[in-house]
Amino acid sequence: MPLLSALSTTAPYHLFAYSILFGSTVYQSFFVGITAYRALPRQHFSALQLKIFPPYFAMQTVVPGFLLLTAPFSIASDKLSLSSLVIAGATGLVNLMYIGPRTVKLMNLRKAQETKEGKKSYEDDVSEDMKKLNKEFGIVHGISTIVNLGTLFVTAFYGVILAEAIVKGFERL
């Protein structure tokens, strides 16, 4: 088998796409987000996240579909593989289309309330209206975090399935 013959199959593209999906989800969830939160003023952190999340969630939505199309093994007959990729794409889509926009709307409502009150949303003596917005924002943000961790979990699970398929392939050599 010539060294570059694999490039004529979907296998390397599938593996690269999986690596991008899993790696970026881990990196955004545990490194970029946490580091930016600690390093940036709240306003700058929010502005950064507003720019990062739409393409990030779009990637989490599209790449599982690409993985479904490029699987180097029969994914249609493997319910665990199929389910994990469908769930990964669905969780990305939920964050992209519903939770993300809801979070942005709540952030804008809090900014408007800050202007009205002349106080930041995180100050101790905010109004009841701000407390309600803060609570709702916290709930929606928490749900987004849980959904993102769901994406991470099912993507990692698919990685184990993919590794098993690779090992089986090596056993045939």
Protein backbone atom coordinates (compact mmCIF):
# COMPACT_ATOMS: atom_id res chain seq x y z
CA MET A 1 0.00 0.00 0.00
CA PRO A 2 1.62 3.29 -1.04
CA LEU A 3 2.14 5.78 1.75
CA LEU A 4 -0.40 8.37 0.56
CA SER A 5 -3.07 5.98 -0.72
CA ALA A 6 -5.24 6.70 2.33
CA LEU A 7 -5.79 10.22 0.95
CA SER A 8 -8.05 8.73 -1.69
CA THR A 9 -10.36 7.44 1.07
CA THR A 10 -12.51 9.33 3.56
CA ALA A 11 -10.54 7.99 6.53
CA PRO A 12 -7.98 10.80 7.02
CA TYR A 13 -10.60 13.51 6.49
CA HIS A 14 -12.86 11.80 9.01
CA LEU A 15 -10.05 11.61 11.54
CA PHE A 16 -9.03 15.25 10.98
CA ALA A 17 -12.65 16.40 11.38
CA TYR A 18 -13.08 14.34 14.55
CA SER A 19 -9.86 15.81 15.92
CA ILE A 20 -11.08 19.34 15.20
CA LEU A 21 -14.45 18.71 16.85
CA PHE A 22 -13.09 17.06 19.97
CA GLY A 23 -10.03 19.26 20.32
CA SER A 24 -11.85 22.54 19.87
CA THR A 25 -14.59 21.51 22.29
CA VAL A 26 -12.05 20.60 24.97
CA TYR A 27 -9.95 23.71 24.27
CA GLN A 28 -12.88 26.15 24.32
CA SER A 29 -14.55 24.54 27.34
CA PHE A 30 -11.56 24.09 29.61
CA PHE A 31 -8.86 26.46 28.44
CA VAL A 32 -10.00 29.46 26.38
CA GLY A 33 -13.21 30.18 28.28
CA ILE A 34 -11.67 29.85 31.73
CA THR A 35 -8.50 31.75 30.83
CA ALA A 36 -10.41 34.58 29.15
CA TYR A 37 -12.80 34.84 32.11
CA ARG A 38 -9.89 35.20 34.51
CA ALA A 39 -7.80 37.51 32.32
CA LEU A 40 -10.30 39.94 30.80
CA PRO A 41 -12.57 42.54 32.31
CA ARG A 42 -16.19 41.34 32.32
CA GLN A 43 -17.23 43.59 29.41
CA HIS A 44 -14.33 42.42 27.22
CA PHE A 45 -14.93 38.78 28.15
CA SER A 46 -18.58 39.10 27.12
CA ALA A 47 -17.62 40.77 23.83
CA LEU A 48 -15.15 37.96 23.10
CA GLN A 49 -17.67 35.23 23.86
CA LEU A 50 -20.27 36.94 21.65
CA LYS A 51 -17.83 36.58 18.74
CA ILE A 52 -16.55 33.09 19.56
CA PHE A 53 -19.75 31.22 20.33
CA PRO A 54 -21.69 31.47 17.04
CA PRO A 55 -18.91 29.94 14.88
CA TYR A 56 -18.02 27.51 17.68
CA PHE A 57 -21.58 26.21 17.94
CA ALA A 58 -21.88 26.18 14.14
CA MET A 59 -18.77 23.99 14.01
CA GLN A 60 -20.30 21.68 16.64
CA THR A 61 -23.40 21.45 14.45
CA VAL A 62 -21.76 20.90 11.05
CA VAL A 63 -18.78 18.66 11.84
CA PRO A 64 -20.84 15.73 13.21
CA GLY A 65 -22.75 15.74 9.93
CA PHE A 66 -19.46 15.65 8.03
CA LEU A 67 -18.37 12.75 10.25
CA LEU A 68 -21.57 10.90 9.39
CA LEU A 69 -20.81 11.34 5.69
CA THR A 70 -17.14 10.37 5.87
CA ALA A 71 -17.14 7.46 8.31
CA PRO A 72 -14.60 4.88 7.07
CA PHE A 73 -16.86 2.09 8.38
CA SER A 74 -20.55 1.32 8.05
CA ILE A 75 -22.00 3.87 10.43
CA ALA A 76 -25.61 3.25 9.42
CA SER A 77 -25.53 -0.20 11.00
CA ASP A 78 -23.77 1.02 14.14
CA LYS A 79 -26.47 2.59 16.30
CA LEU A 80 -24.02 3.86 18.94
CA SER A 81 -21.90 5.72 16.38
CA LEU A 82 -24.91 7.08 14.59
CA SER A 83 -26.59 8.16 17.83
CA SER A 84 -23.50 9.82 19.28
CA LEU A 85 -22.91 11.90 16.14
CA VAL A 86 -26.57 12.85 15.79
CA ILE A 87 -26.65 13.92 19.45
CA ALA A 88 -23.41 15.89 19.05
CA GLY A 89 -24.83 17.76 16.07
CA ALA A 90 -28.16 18.33 17.81
CA THR A 91 -26.56 19.77 20.95
CA GLY A 92 -24.50 22.15 18.83
CA LEU A 93 -27.64 23.15 16.94
CA VAL A 94 -29.59 23.77 20.16
CA ASN A 95 -26.82 26.04 21.44
CA LEU A 96 -26.51 27.78 18.07
CA MET A 97 -30.19 28.38 17.36
CA TYR A 98 -31.88 28.63 20.76
CA ILE A 99 -29.72 28.85 23.85
CA GLY A 100 -27.05 31.16 22.42
CA PRO A 101 -29.51 33.73 21.08
CA ARG A 102 -31.50 33.56 24.34
CA THR A 103 -28.32 34.23 26.30
CA VAL A 104 -27.49 37.23 24.09
CA LYS A 105 -31.02 38.58 24.53
CA LEU A 106 -30.70 38.31 28.31
CA MET A 107 -27.30 40.00 28.22
CA ASN A 108 -28.83 42.89 26.27
CA LEU A 109 -31.73 43.12 28.70
CA ARG A 110 -29.28 43.26 31.59
CA LYS A 111 -27.28 46.01 29.87
CA ALA A 112 -30.48 48.01 29.39
CA GLN A 113 -31.38 47.45 33.03
CA GLU A 114 -27.87 48.54 34.08
CA THR A 115 -28.35 51.77 32.15
CA LYS A 116 -31.78 52.28 33.73
CA GLU A 117 -30.50 51.62 37.27
CA GLY A 118 -27.04 53.12 36.90
CA LYS A 119 -25.58 49.94 38.43
CA LYS A 120 -23.78 46.90 37.10
CA SER A 121 -25.69 43.62 37.06
CA TYR A 122 -23.24 42.04 39.49
CA GLU A 123 -23.49 44.70 42.20
CA ASP A 124 -25.03 43.67 45.51
CA ASP A 125 -27.93 46.11 45.75
CA VAL A 126 -29.56 45.71 42.34
CA SER A 127 -33.31 45.88 41.77
CA GLU A 128 -35.68 42.94 41.78
CA ASP A 129 -35.92 43.24 37.99
CA MET A 130 -32.13 42.87 37.69
CA LYS A 131 -32.15 39.96 40.12
CA LYS A 132 -34.72 38.20 37.94
CA LEU A 133 -32.65 38.85 34.80
CA ASN A 134 -29.50 37.63 36.55
CA LYS A 135 -31.25 34.47 37.69
CA GLU A 136 -32.64 33.75 34.23
CA PHE A 137 -29.26 34.46 32.64
CA GLY A 138 -27.60 32.09 35.12
CA ILE A 139 -30.09 29.34 34.32
CA VAL A 140 -29.77 29.75 30.54
CA HIS A 141 -25.98 29.98 30.75
CA GLY A 142 -25.91 26.87 32.94
CA ILE A 143 -28.07 24.97 30.46
CA SER A 144 -25.73 26.04 27.65
CA THR A 145 -22.77 24.76 29.65
CA ILE A 146 -24.49 21.42 30.30
CA VAL A 147 -25.45 21.08 26.62
CA ASN A 148 -21.84 21.88 25.62
CA LEU A 149 -20.58 19.24 28.05
CA GLY A 150 -23.08 16.84 26.48
CA THR A 151 -21.45 17.56 23.13
CA LEU A 152 -18.06 16.85 24.69
CA PHE A 153 -19.26 13.61 26.27
CA VAL A 154 -20.85 12.14 23.13
CA THR A 155 -17.88 13.28 21.03
CA ALA A 156 -15.48 11.54 23.41
CA PHE A 157 -17.71 8.46 23.31
CA TYR A 158 -17.57 8.49 19.53
CA GLY A 159 -13.76 8.77 19.81
CA VAL A 160 -13.71 5.49 21.69
CA ILE A 161 -15.84 3.89 18.97
CA LEU A 162 -13.52 5.33 16.32
CA ALA A 163 -10.45 4.07 18.19
CA GLU A 164 -12.02 0.61 18.35
CA ALA A 165 -12.57 0.67 14.58
CA ILE A 166 -8.95 1.73 14.06
CA VAL A 167 -7.66 -1.05 16.32
CA LYS A 168 -9.78 -3.61 14.46
CA GLY A 169 -8.30 -2.31 11.20
CA PHE A 170 -4.77 -2.71 12.57
CA GLU A 171 -5.57 -6.25 13.69
CA ARG A 172 -6.31 -7.14 10.06
CA LEU A 173 -2.82 -6.01 8.92
